[in-house]
């Protein structure tokens, strides 16, 4: 343990949490649409399948993970699976097909390991971005414990997305966030995450090449490799939170997820104060889903403060 977080790290942690939700909300109306032209980029939170400023399943699952981490450390996958099932049973407006199949089996009483194994066996190559989109709370809790960060990143992925690429993407993203929280510049944090993450050689090649990609080369699909590629590209080809998230959200297709991952990275890089106030003010969403409790940016700030001090408070 290196001690409690200082003010600068707290600001970056808040930026990570708020940034993930803001990116989700900005990308929401652009989801499943073609890339926007550079001369017509969407820069405001518009209406889509949800009202402007609304976050989606990306953020909702991250909140379930955050609450599980607050309740249990080390992460308890049985508790996390129960929380995911409880969330799915609220009939959220968006839930990935693979995730739905896993959680529906668990809801019928199948242990989570059996449920996820059966779903994965039916489609062994399935490597969606459903665990990457929600993984950032792990980095906030274990920002100074790389071994615990790695273990929890993999375990939270395994509950729904056991493909090695999904687990590796979560480890890489959280390692990158942790390095950014500790004050590393984006390129330095990227190199540190590359050095500390075990990746299949072809996946490593995708990540290493991401900053050099041309915009039109980015597919931005629901494949975990595409999402991480877009997020890295957004972080390392821009120099502000706003530009990183705008550029990635406007790639279209799985825009909300890619922009949410980018928002977590860029928020950790630049801090809460760099997130445009108009976006922070517009952010909203019910949590738990269907309840009368409406989350705003201030709630994500409080959550970040709690997560980033959990381990230091326990010692």
C-alpha atoms as a PDB file:
ATOM      1  CA  UNK A   1       0.000   0.000   0.000  1.00  0.00           C
ATOM      2  CA  UNK A   2       1.286   3.425  -0.938  1.00  0.00           C
ATOM      3  CA  UNK A   3      -1.137   5.426   1.208  1.00  0.00           C
ATOM      4  CA  UNK A   4      -4.369   7.322   0.765  1.00  0.00           C
ATOM      5  CA  UNK A   5      -5.202   9.168  -2.461  1.00  0.00           C
ATOM      6  CA  UNK A   6      -4.268  12.829  -2.694  1.00  0.00           C
ATOM      7  CA  UNK A   7      -6.484  15.564  -4.137  1.00  0.00           C
ATOM      8  CA  UNK A   8      -5.163  15.151  -7.670  1.00  0.00           C
ATOM      9  CA  UNK A   9      -5.796  11.428  -7.676  1.00  0.00           C
ATOM     10  CA  UNK A  10      -9.288  11.939  -6.254  1.00  0.00           C
ATOM     11  CA  UNK A  11     -10.024  14.377  -9.078  1.00  0.00           C
ATOM     12  CA  UNK A  12      -8.894  11.836 -11.667  1.00  0.00           C
ATOM     13  CA  UNK A  13     -10.924   9.064  -9.994  1.00  0.00           C
ATOM     14  CA  UNK A  14     -13.990  11.293 -10.100  1.00  0.00           C
ATOM     15  CA  UNK A  15     -13.227  12.021 -13.732  1.00  0.00           C
ATOM     16  CA  UNK A  16     -13.079   8.301 -14.476  1.00  0.00           C
ATOM     17  CA  UNK A  17     -16.471   7.554 -12.926  1.00  0.00           C
ATOM     18  CA  UNK A  18     -18.292  10.601 -14.270  1.00  0.00           C
ATOM     19  CA  UNK A  19     -16.479  10.300 -17.599  1.00  0.00           C
ATOM     20  CA  UNK A  20     -17.607   6.717 -18.131  1.00  0.00           C
ATOM     21  CA  UNK A  21     -21.248   7.677 -17.568  1.00  0.00           C
ATOM     22  CA  UNK A  22     -20.967  10.839 -19.665  1.00  0.00           C
ATOM     23  CA  UNK A  23     -19.414   8.940 -22.559  1.00  0.00           C
ATOM     24  CA  UNK A  24     -22.198   6.376 -22.335  1.00  0.00           C
ATOM     25  CA  UNK A  25     -24.859   9.100 -22.461  1.00  0.00           C
ATOM     26  CA  UNK A  26     -23.180  10.990 -25.303  1.00  0.00           C
ATOM     27  CA  UNK A  27     -22.885   7.842 -27.390  1.00  0.00           C
ATOM     28  CA  UNK A  28     -26.387   6.551 -26.643  1.00  0.00           C
ATOM     29  CA  UNK A  29     -28.234   8.381 -29.486  1.00  0.00           C
ATOM     30  CA  UNK A  30     -25.439   7.496 -31.946  1.00  0.00           C
ATOM     31  CA  UNK A  31     -25.583   3.739 -31.267  1.00  0.00           C
ATOM     32  CA  UNK A  32     -26.047   1.500 -34.324  1.00  0.00           C
ATOM     33  CA  UNK A  33     -25.718   4.487 -36.644  1.00  0.00           C
ATOM     34  CA  UNK A  34     -23.006   5.059 -39.272  1.00  0.00           C
ATOM     35  CA  UNK A  35     -20.006   7.254 -38.459  1.00  0.00           C
ATOM     36  CA  UNK A  36     -20.757  10.970 -38.481  1.00  0.00           C
ATOM     37  CA  UNK A  37     -18.680  13.076 -40.891  1.00  0.00           C
ATOM     38  CA  UNK A  38     -15.942  15.184 -39.342  1.00  0.00           C
ATOM     39  CA  UNK A  39     -17.732  18.369 -40.396  1.00  0.00           C
ATOM     40  CA  UNK A  40     -20.901  17.254 -38.586  1.00  0.00           C
ATOM     41  CA  UNK A  41     -19.798  15.713 -35.314  1.00  0.00           C
ATOM     42  CA  UNK A  42     -22.423  15.448 -32.577  1.00  0.00           C
ATOM     43  CA  UNK A  43     -21.164  17.374 -29.549  1.00  0.00           C
ATOM     44  CA  UNK A  44     -24.301  17.561 -27.440  1.00  0.00           C
ATOM     45  CA  UNK A  45     -26.309  14.937 -25.609  1.00  0.00           C
ATOM     46  CA  UNK A  46     -29.216  14.183 -27.880  1.00  0.00           C
ATOM     47  CA  UNK A  47     -32.316  12.057 -27.614  1.00  0.00           C
ATOM     48  CA  UNK A  48     -32.104   8.441 -28.702  1.00  0.00           C
ATOM     49  CA  UNK A  49     -33.958   5.428 -27.363  1.00  0.00           C
ATOM     50  CA  UNK A  50     -33.681   7.248 -24.007  1.00  0.00           C
ATOM     51  CA  UNK A  51     -33.998  10.953 -23.057  1.00  0.00           C
ATOM     52  CA  UNK A  52     -30.934  13.184 -23.530  1.00  0.00           C
ATOM     53  CA  UNK A  53     -28.255  12.638 -20.920  1.00  0.00           C
ATOM     54  CA  UNK A  54     -29.380   9.129 -19.999  1.00  0.00           C
ATOM     55  CA  UNK A  55     -26.828   6.451 -19.290  1.00  0.00           C
ATOM     56  CA  UNK A  56     -27.426   2.851 -20.360  1.00  0.00           C
ATOM     57  CA  UNK A  57     -26.623  -0.741 -19.426  1.00  0.00           C
ATOM     58  CA  UNK A  58     -22.893   0.027 -19.686  1.00  0.00           C
ATOM     59  CA  UNK A  59     -23.091   2.261 -16.624  1.00  0.00           C
ATOM     60  CA  UNK A  60     -25.799   0.255 -14.866  1.00  0.00           C
ATOM     61  CA  UNK A  61     -23.649  -2.894 -14.853  1.00  0.00           C
ATOM     62  CA  UNK A  62     -20.671  -0.849 -13.649  1.00  0.00           C
ATOM     63  CA  UNK A  63     -22.788   0.384 -10.743  1.00  0.00           C
ATOM     64  CA  UNK A  64     -23.736  -3.193  -9.865  1.00  0.00           C
ATOM     65  CA  UNK A  65     -20.039  -4.124  -9.910  1.00  0.00           C
ATOM     66  CA  UNK A  66     -19.173  -1.098  -7.775  1.00  0.00           C
ATOM     67  CA  UNK A  67     -21.778  -2.033  -5.176  1.00  0.00           C
ATOM     68  CA  UNK A  68     -20.512  -5.620  -5.102  1.00  0.00           C
ATOM     69  CA  UNK A  69     -16.945  -4.374  -4.530  1.00  0.00           C
ATOM     70  CA  UNK A  70     -18.125  -2.131  -1.707  1.00  0.00           C
ATOM     71  CA  UNK A  71     -19.851  -5.113  -0.078  1.00  0.00           C
ATOM     72  CA  UNK A  72     -17.143  -7.729  -0.672  1.00  0.00           C
ATOM     73  CA  UNK A  73     -13.396  -7.563  -1.102  1.00  0.00           C
ATOM     74  CA  UNK A  74     -11.946  -9.624  -2.595  1.00  0.00           C
ATOM     75  CA  UNK A  75     -14.679  -9.622  -5.214  1.00  0.00           C
ATOM     76  CA  UNK A  76     -17.324 -12.299  -4.605  1.00  0.00           C
ATOM     77  CA  UNK A  77     -18.492 -13.617  -8.006  1.00  0.00           C
ATOM     78  CA  UNK A  78     -21.618 -15.182  -6.510  1.00  0.00           C
ATOM     79  CA  UNK A  79     -22.662 -11.829  -5.086  1.00  0.00           C
ATOM     80  CA  UNK A  80     -21.838 -10.106  -8.374  1.00  0.00           C
ATOM     81  CA  UNK A  81     -23.876 -12.649 -10.355  1.00  0.00           C
ATOM     82  CA  UNK A  82     -26.852 -12.102  -8.029  1.00  0.00           C
ATOM     83  CA  UNK A  83     -26.623  -8.354  -8.508  1.00  0.00           C
ATOM     84  CA  UNK A  84     -26.443  -8.723 -12.285  1.00  0.00           C
ATOM     85  CA  UNK A  85     -29.514 -10.983 -12.235  1.00  0.00           C
ATOM     86  CA  UNK A  86     -31.415  -8.515 -10.047  1.00  0.00           C
ATOM     87  CA  UNK A  87     -30.530  -5.784 -12.527  1.00  0.00           C
ATOM     88  CA  UNK A  88     -31.631  -7.882 -15.519  1.00  0.00           C
ATOM     89  CA  UNK A  89     -34.940  -8.635 -13.814  1.00  0.00           C
ATOM     90  CA  UNK A  90     -35.772  -4.912 -13.791  1.00  0.00           C
ATOM     91  CA  UNK A  91     -36.142  -5.207 -17.590  1.00  0.00           C
ATOM     92  CA  UNK A  92     -33.539  -2.557 -18.449  1.00  0.00           C
ATOM     93  CA  UNK A  93     -34.048  -0.999 -21.884  1.00  0.00           C
ATOM     94  CA  UNK A  94     -30.794  -2.457 -23.180  1.00  0.00           C
ATOM     95  CA  UNK A  95     -28.962  -5.672 -22.381  1.00  0.00           C
ATOM     96  CA  UNK A  96     -26.548  -7.565 -24.604  1.00  0.00           C
ATOM     97  CA  UNK A  97     -27.658 -10.871 -26.101  1.00  0.00           C
ATOM     98  CA  UNK A  98     -24.769 -12.856 -24.634  1.00  0.00           C
ATOM     99  CA  UNK A  99     -25.236 -11.274 -21.216  1.00  0.00           C
ATOM    100  CA  UNK A 100     -28.977 -11.929 -21.288  1.00  0.00           C
ATOM    101  CA  UNK A 101     -28.424 -15.602 -22.081  1.00  0.00           C
ATOM    102  CA  UNK A 102     -26.014 -16.026 -19.191  1.00  0.00           C
ATOM    103  CA  UNK A 103     -28.106 -14.143 -16.657  1.00  0.00           C
ATOM    104  CA  UNK A 104     -31.342 -15.876 -17.648  1.00  0.00           C
ATOM    105  CA  UNK A 105     -29.733 -19.232 -16.862  1.00  0.00           C
ATOM    106  CA  UNK A 106     -28.475 -17.991 -13.514  1.00  0.00           C
ATOM    107  CA  UNK A 107     -31.957 -16.646 -12.742  1.00  0.00           C
ATOM    108  CA  UNK A 108     -33.319 -20.176 -13.281  1.00  0.00           C
ATOM    109  CA  UNK A 109     -30.989 -21.467 -10.574  1.00  0.00           C
ATOM    110  CA  UNK A 110     -27.969 -22.546 -12.624  1.00  0.00           C
ATOM    111  CA  UNK A 111     -24.673 -21.709 -10.832  1.00  0.00           C
ATOM    112  CA  UNK A 112     -22.920 -18.876 -12.608  1.00  0.00           C
ATOM    113  CA  UNK A 113     -19.917 -20.949 -13.691  1.00  0.00           C
ATOM    114  CA  UNK A 114     -22.162 -23.558 -15.296  1.00  0.00           C
ATOM    115  CA  UNK A 115     -24.359 -20.904 -16.874  1.00  0.00           C
ATOM    116  CA  UNK A 116     -21.528 -18.972 -18.470  1.00  0.00           C
ATOM    117  CA  UNK A 117     -19.746 -22.155 -19.590  1.00  0.00           C
ATOM    118  CA  UNK A 118     -22.848 -23.396 -21.377  1.00  0.00           C
ATOM    119  CA  UNK A 119     -23.456 -20.108 -23.162  1.00  0.00           C
ATOM    120  CA  UNK A 120     -19.808 -19.771 -24.157  1.00  0.00           C
ATOM    121  CA  UNK A 121     -19.650 -23.385 -25.367  1.00  0.00           C
ATOM    122  CA  UNK A 122     -22.560 -22.709 -27.712  1.00  0.00           C
ATOM    123  CA  UNK A 123     -20.556 -19.878 -29.302  1.00  0.00           C
ATOM    124  CA  UNK A 124     -16.884 -20.374 -28.390  1.00  0.00           C
ATOM    125  CA  UNK A 125     -15.666 -17.372 -30.367  1.00  0.00           C
ATOM    126  CA  UNK A 126     -18.011 -14.939 -28.642  1.00  0.00           C
ATOM    127  CA  UNK A 127     -15.860 -12.093 -27.302  1.00  0.00           C
ATOM    128  CA  UNK A 128     -18.141  -9.123 -26.842  1.00  0.00           C
ATOM    129  CA  UNK A 129     -17.440  -5.930 -24.934  1.00  0.00           C
ATOM    130  CA  UNK A 130     -19.955  -6.536 -22.137  1.00  0.00           C
ATOM    131  CA  UNK A 131     -17.367  -6.955 -19.392  1.00  0.00           C
ATOM    132  CA  UNK A 132     -14.998  -4.262 -20.660  1.00  0.00           C
ATOM    133  CA  UNK A 133     -17.714  -1.627 -20.562  1.00  0.00           C
ATOM    134  CA  UNK A 134     -18.296  -2.093 -16.840  1.00  0.00           C
ATOM    135  CA  UNK A 135     -14.824  -2.851 -15.491  1.00  0.00           C
ATOM    136  CA  UNK A 136     -13.621   0.599 -14.367  1.00  0.00           C
ATOM    137  CA  UNK A 137     -14.756   0.325 -10.694  1.00  0.00           C
ATOM    138  CA  UNK A 138     -12.088  -2.365 -10.220  1.00  0.00           C
ATOM    139  CA  UNK A 139      -9.389   0.148 -11.170  1.00  0.00           C
ATOM    140  CA  UNK A 140     -10.722   2.694  -8.684  1.00  0.00           C
ATOM    141  CA  UNK A 141     -10.605   0.196  -5.841  1.00  0.00           C
ATOM    142  CA  UNK A 142      -7.270  -1.424  -6.697  1.00  0.00           C
ATOM    143  CA  UNK A 143      -5.391   1.530  -8.187  1.00  0.00           C
ATOM    144  CA  UNK A 144      -2.300   0.699  -6.121  1.00  0.00           C
ATOM    145  CA  UNK A 145      -2.590  -3.111  -6.014  1.00  0.00           C
ATOM    146  CA  UNK A 146      -1.739  -4.530  -9.456  1.00  0.00           C
ATOM    147  CA  UNK A 147      -2.172  -8.184  -8.500  1.00  0.00           C
ATOM    148  CA  UNK A 148      -5.589  -7.603  -6.937  1.00  0.00           C
ATOM    149  CA  UNK A 149      -6.554  -5.408  -9.897  1.00  0.00           C
ATOM    150  CA  UNK A 150      -5.642  -8.171 -12.315  1.00  0.00           C
ATOM    151  CA  UNK A 151      -7.501 -10.863 -10.379  1.00  0.00           C
ATOM    152  CA  UNK A 152     -10.681  -8.836  -9.925  1.00  0.00           C
ATOM    153  CA  UNK A 153     -10.662  -7.641 -13.546  1.00  0.00           C
ATOM    154  CA  UNK A 154     -10.573 -11.232 -14.771  1.00  0.00           C
ATOM    155  CA  UNK A 155     -13.082 -12.521 -12.236  1.00  0.00           C
ATOM    156  CA  UNK A 156     -15.718  -9.871 -12.951  1.00  0.00           C
ATOM    157  CA  UNK A 157     -15.341 -10.657 -16.663  1.00  0.00           C
ATOM    158  CA  UNK A 158     -15.622 -14.405 -16.109  1.00  0.00           C
ATOM    159  CA  UNK A 159     -19.090 -14.047 -14.578  1.00  0.00           C
ATOM    160  CA  UNK A 160     -20.512 -13.268 -18.028  1.00  0.00           C
ATOM    161  CA  UNK A 161     -17.651 -13.082 -20.551  1.00  0.00           C
ATOM    162  CA  UNK A 162     -15.009 -15.778 -20.005  1.00  0.00           C
ATOM    163  CA  UNK A 163     -13.300 -15.479 -23.397  1.00  0.00           C
ATOM    164  CA  UNK A 164      -9.576 -14.777 -22.858  1.00  0.00           C
ATOM    165  CA  UNK A 165      -9.766 -11.623 -24.970  1.00  0.00           C
ATOM    166  CA  UNK A 166     -12.507 -10.211 -22.736  1.00  0.00           C
ATOM    167  CA  UNK A 167     -10.526 -10.857 -19.579  1.00  0.00           C
ATOM    168  CA  UNK A 168      -7.324  -9.457 -21.099  1.00  0.00           C
ATOM    169  CA  UNK A 169      -9.110  -6.324 -22.308  1.00  0.00           C
ATOM    170  CA  UNK A 170     -10.424  -5.675 -18.797  1.00  0.00           C
ATOM    171  CA  UNK A 171      -6.972  -6.148 -17.269  1.00  0.00           C
ATOM    172  CA  UNK A 172      -5.419  -3.838 -19.846  1.00  0.00           C
ATOM    173  CA  UNK A 173      -8.055  -1.110 -19.477  1.00  0.00           C
ATOM    174  CA  UNK A 174      -7.935  -1.186 -15.682  1.00  0.00           C
ATOM    175  CA  UNK A 175      -4.131  -1.212 -15.652  1.00  0.00           C
ATOM    176  CA  UNK A 176      -4.208   1.812 -17.933  1.00  0.00           C
ATOM    177  CA  UNK A 177      -6.723   3.589 -15.697  1.00  0.00           C
ATOM    178  CA  UNK A 178      -4.676   2.824 -12.580  1.00  0.00           C
ATOM    179  CA  UNK A 179      -1.539   4.265 -14.169  1.00  0.00           C
ATOM    180  CA  UNK A 180      -3.473   7.376 -15.217  1.00  0.00           C
ATOM    181  CA  UNK A 181      -4.893   7.764 -11.710  1.00  0.00           C
ATOM    182  CA  UNK A 182      -1.376   7.721 -10.327  1.00  0.00           C
ATOM    183  CA  UNK A 183      -0.461  10.605 -12.631  1.00  0.00           C
ATOM    184  CA  UNK A 184       1.163   8.990 -15.665  1.00  0.00           C
ATOM    185  CA  UNK A 185       0.715  10.779 -18.984  1.00  0.00           C
ATOM    186  CA  UNK A 186      -1.586   8.898 -21.408  1.00  0.00           C
ATOM    187  CA  UNK A 187       1.195   7.524 -23.613  1.00  0.00           C
ATOM    188  CA  UNK A 188       3.280   6.460 -20.609  1.00  0.00           C
ATOM    189  CA  UNK A 189       0.256   4.806 -18.981  1.00  0.00           C
ATOM    190  CA  UNK A 190      -0.468   3.004 -22.260  1.00  0.00           C
ATOM    191  CA  UNK A 191       3.060   1.619 -22.413  1.00  0.00           C
ATOM    192  CA  UNK A 192       2.923   0.520 -18.782  1.00  0.00           C
ATOM    193  CA  UNK A 193      -0.382  -1.280 -19.318  1.00  0.00           C
ATOM    194  CA  UNK A 194       1.042  -3.008 -22.395  1.00  0.00           C
ATOM    195  CA  UNK A 195       4.068  -4.167 -20.440  1.00  0.00           C
ATOM    196  CA  UNK A 196       2.040  -5.543 -17.537  1.00  0.00           C
ATOM    197  CA  UNK A 197      -0.820  -7.281 -19.398  1.00  0.00           C
ATOM    198  CA  UNK A 198      -0.684 -10.770 -20.859  1.00  0.00           C
ATOM    199  CA  UNK A 199      -2.211 -10.623 -24.343  1.00  0.00           C
ATOM    200  CA  UNK A 200      -2.479 -13.002 -27.265  1.00  0.00           C
ATOM    201  CA  UNK A 201       0.038 -11.910 -29.888  1.00  0.00           C
ATOM    202  CA  UNK A 202      -2.613 -10.906 -32.419  1.00  0.00           C
ATOM    203  CA  UNK A 203      -4.573  -8.968 -29.804  1.00  0.00           C
ATOM    204  CA  UNK A 204      -1.384  -7.206 -28.675  1.00  0.00           C
ATOM    205  CA  UNK A 205      -0.758  -6.204 -32.290  1.00  0.00           C
ATOM    206  CA  UNK A 206      -4.236  -4.638 -32.472  1.00  0.00           C
ATOM    207  CA  UNK A 207      -3.640  -2.633 -29.293  1.00  0.00           C
ATOM    208  CA  UNK A 208      -0.160  -1.490 -30.304  1.00  0.00           C
ATOM    209  CA  UNK A 209      -1.431  -0.319 -33.700  1.00  0.00           C
ATOM    210  CA  UNK A 210      -4.551   1.419 -32.353  1.00  0.00           C
ATOM    211  CA  UNK A 211      -3.031   4.914 -31.964  1.00  0.00           C
ATOM    212  CA  UNK A 212      -1.882   4.859 -35.589  1.00  0.00           C
ATOM    213  CA  UNK A 213      -5.218   3.832 -37.080  1.00  0.00           C
ATOM    214  CA  UNK A 214      -7.017   6.120 -39.485  1.00  0.00           C
ATOM    215  CA  UNK A 215     -10.543   7.019 -38.409  1.00  0.00           C
ATOM    216  CA  UNK A 216     -12.107   5.143 -41.313  1.00  0.00           C
ATOM    217  CA  UNK A 217     -10.302   1.954 -40.273  1.00  0.00           C
ATOM    218  CA  UNK A 218     -12.111   1.712 -36.936  1.00  0.00           C
ATOM    219  CA  UNK A 219     -15.068  -0.680 -37.042  1.00  0.00           C
ATOM    220  CA  UNK A 220     -16.248   0.225 -33.510  1.00  0.00           C
ATOM    221  CA  UNK A 221     -18.397  -2.893 -33.293  1.00  0.00           C
ATOM    222  CA  UNK A 222     -19.438  -4.867 -30.226  1.00  0.00           C
ATOM    223  CA  UNK A 223     -16.327  -7.059 -30.485  1.00  0.00           C
ATOM    224  CA  UNK A 224     -14.127  -6.373 -27.477  1.00  0.00           C
ATOM    225  CA  UNK A 225     -11.057  -5.865 -29.660  1.00  0.00           C
ATOM    226  CA  UNK A 226     -12.818  -3.174 -31.665  1.00  0.00           C
ATOM    227  CA  UNK A 227     -14.053  -1.364 -28.564  1.00  0.00           C
ATOM    228  CA  UNK A 228     -10.653  -1.283 -26.901  1.00  0.00           C
ATOM    229  CA  UNK A 229      -9.037  -0.257 -30.176  1.00  0.00           C
ATOM    230  CA  UNK A 230     -11.409   2.708 -30.544  1.00  0.00           C
ATOM    231  CA  UNK A 231     -10.943   3.793 -26.922  1.00  0.00           C
ATOM    232  CA  UNK A 232      -7.147   3.719 -27.160  1.00  0.00           C
ATOM    233  CA  UNK A 233      -7.303   5.599 -30.441  1.00  0.00           C
ATOM    234  CA  UNK A 234      -9.533   8.238 -28.869  1.00  0.00           C
ATOM    235  CA  UNK A 235      -7.307   8.695 -25.830  1.00  0.00           C
ATOM    236  CA  UNK A 236      -3.993   8.829 -27.680  1.00  0.00           C
ATOM    237  CA  UNK A 237      -4.921  10.869 -30.756  1.00  0.00           C
ATOM    238  CA  UNK A 238      -6.553  13.747 -28.858  1.00  0.00           C
ATOM    239  CA  UNK A 239      -5.488  16.016 -26.020  1.00  0.00           C
ATOM    240  CA  UNK A 240      -8.668  16.637 -24.013  1.00  0.00           C
ATOM    241  CA  UNK A 241     -11.534  14.740 -22.460  1.00  0.00           C
ATOM    242  CA  UNK A 242     -14.084  16.377 -24.741  1.00  0.00           C
ATOM    243  CA  UNK A 243     -12.278  15.609 -27.986  1.00  0.00           C
ATOM    244  CA  UNK A 244     -11.513  12.018 -27.012  1.00  0.00           C
ATOM    245  CA  UNK A 245     -15.136  11.213 -26.224  1.00  0.00           C
ATOM    246  CA  UNK A 246     -16.604  13.182 -29.140  1.00  0.00           C
ATOM    247  CA  UNK A 247     -14.324  11.485 -31.648  1.00  0.00           C
ATOM    248  CA  UNK A 248     -15.152   7.983 -30.432  1.00  0.00           C
ATOM    249  CA  UNK A 249     -18.894   8.505 -29.945  1.00  0.00           C
ATOM    250  CA  UNK A 250     -19.148   9.768 -33.507  1.00  0.00           C
ATOM    251  CA  UNK A 251     -17.707   6.525 -34.864  1.00  0.00           C
ATOM    252  CA  UNK A 252     -21.241   5.164 -34.529  1.00  0.00           C
ATOM    253  CA  UNK A 253     -22.154   1.461 -34.300  1.00  0.00           C
ATOM    254  CA  UNK A 254     -21.540   0.495 -30.648  1.00  0.00           C
ATOM    255  CA  UNK A 255     -21.065   4.167 -29.866  1.00  0.00           C
ATOM    256  CA  UNK A 256     -22.272   4.211 -26.272  1.00  0.00           C
ATOM    257  CA  UNK A 257     -19.988   1.427 -25.125  1.00  0.00           C
ATOM    258  CA  UNK A 258     -16.883   2.675 -26.928  1.00  0.00           C
ATOM    259  CA  UNK A 259     -17.493   6.221 -25.704  1.00  0.00           C
ATOM    260  CA  UNK A 260     -18.074   4.972 -22.149  1.00  0.00           C
ATOM    261  CA  UNK A 261     -14.737   3.124 -22.118  1.00  0.00           C
ATOM    262  CA  UNK A 262     -13.083   6.180 -23.642  1.00  0.00           C
ATOM    263  CA  UNK A 263     -14.725   8.395 -21.032  1.00  0.00           C
ATOM    264  CA  UNK A 264     -13.345   6.270 -18.212  1.00  0.00           C
ATOM    265  CA  UNK A 265      -9.836   6.468 -19.682  1.00  0.00           C
ATOM    266  CA  UNK A 266      -9.944  10.158 -20.566  1.00  0.00           C
ATOM    267  CA  UNK A 267     -11.585  11.081 -17.265  1.00  0.00           C
ATOM    268  CA  UNK A 268      -8.775   9.313 -15.418  1.00  0.00           C
ATOM    269  CA  UNK A 269      -6.248  11.138 -17.589  1.00  0.00           C
ATOM    270  CA  UNK A 270      -7.615  14.676 -17.343  1.00  0.00           C
ATOM    271  CA  UNK A 271      -9.796  14.801 -14.228  1.00  0.00           C
ATOM    272  CA  UNK A 272     -13.346  15.763 -13.365  1.00  0.00           C
ATOM    273  CA  UNK A 273     -12.876  19.462 -14.022  1.00  0.00           C
ATOM    274  CA  UNK A 274     -12.137  18.886 -17.693  1.00  0.00           C
ATOM    275  CA  UNK A 275     -15.503  17.246 -18.367  1.00  0.00           C
ATOM    276  CA  UNK A 276     -17.763  19.914 -19.881  1.00  0.00           C
ATOM    277  CA  UNK A 277     -20.242  21.241 -17.341  1.00  0.00           C
ATOM    278  CA  UNK A 278     -23.072  21.037 -19.866  1.00  0.00           C
ATOM    279  CA  UNK A 279     -22.538  17.261 -20.048  1.00  0.00           C
ATOM    280  CA  UNK A 280     -22.190  16.809 -16.306  1.00  0.00           C
ATOM    281  CA  UNK A 281     -25.354  18.811 -15.717  1.00  0.00           C
ATOM    282  CA  UNK A 282     -27.332  16.750 -18.255  1.00  0.00           C
ATOM    283  CA  UNK A 283     -26.279  13.337 -16.916  1.00  0.00           C
ATOM    284  CA  UNK A 284     -29.104  11.337 -15.381  1.00  0.00           C
ATOM    285  CA  UNK A 285     -30.390   7.810 -14.868  1.00  0.00           C
ATOM    286  CA  UNK A 286     -32.415   5.739 -12.432  1.00  0.00           C
ATOM    287  CA  UNK A 287     -30.436   3.415 -10.196  1.00  0.00           C
ATOM    288  CA  UNK A 288     -31.652   0.880  -9.348  1.00  0.00           C
ATOM    289  CA  UNK A 289     -33.370   0.723 -12.724  1.00  0.00           C
ATOM    290  CA  UNK A 290     -37.057   1.571 -12.408  1.00  0.00           C
ATOM    291  CA  UNK A 291     -36.647   3.223  -9.014  1.00  0.00           C
ATOM    292  CA  UNK A 292     -37.310   6.822  -8.071  1.00  0.00           C
ATOM    293  CA  UNK A 293     -33.622   7.336  -7.260  1.00  0.00           C
ATOM    294  CA  UNK A 294     -32.133   9.441 -10.048  1.00  0.00           C
ATOM    295  CA  UNK A 295     -28.366   9.555 -10.271  1.00  0.00           C
ATOM    296  CA  UNK A 296     -26.556  12.702 -11.337  1.00  0.00           C
ATOM    297  CA  UNK A 297     -22.887  13.522 -11.753  1.00  0.00           C
ATOM    298  CA  UNK A 298     -22.677  14.294  -8.031  1.00  0.00           C
ATOM    299  CA  UNK A 299     -23.634  10.707  -7.212  1.00  0.00           C
ATOM    300  CA  UNK A 300     -20.828   9.385  -9.407  1.00  0.00           C
ATOM    301  CA  UNK A 301     -18.412  11.732  -7.636  1.00  0.00           C
ATOM    302  CA  UNK A 302     -19.463  10.324  -4.268  1.00  0.00           C
ATOM    303  CA  UNK A 303     -19.148   6.776  -5.608  1.00  0.00           C
ATOM    304  CA  UNK A 304     -15.649   7.456  -6.931  1.00  0.00           C
ATOM    305  CA  UNK A 305     -14.577   8.908  -3.583  1.00  0.00           C
ATOM    306  CA  UNK A 306     -15.807   5.809  -1.792  1.00  0.00           C
ATOM    307  CA  UNK A 307     -14.269   3.327  -4.221  1.00  0.00           C
ATOM    308  CA  UNK A 308     -10.843   4.929  -4.382  1.00  0.00           C
ATOM    309  CA  UNK A 309     -10.522   5.043  -0.593  1.00  0.00           C
ATOM    310  CA  UNK A 310     -11.911   1.564   0.180  1.00  0.00           C
ATOM    311  CA  UNK A 311      -8.615  -0.234   0.494  1.00  0.00           C
ATOM    312  CA  UNK A 312      -6.728   2.552   2.265  1.00  0.00           C
ATOM    313  CA  UNK A 313      -9.599   2.873   4.760  1.00  0.00           C
ATOM    314  CA  UNK A 314      -9.433  -0.862   5.461  1.00  0.00           C
ATOM    315  CA  UNK A 315      -5.833  -0.757   6.670  1.00  0.00           C
END
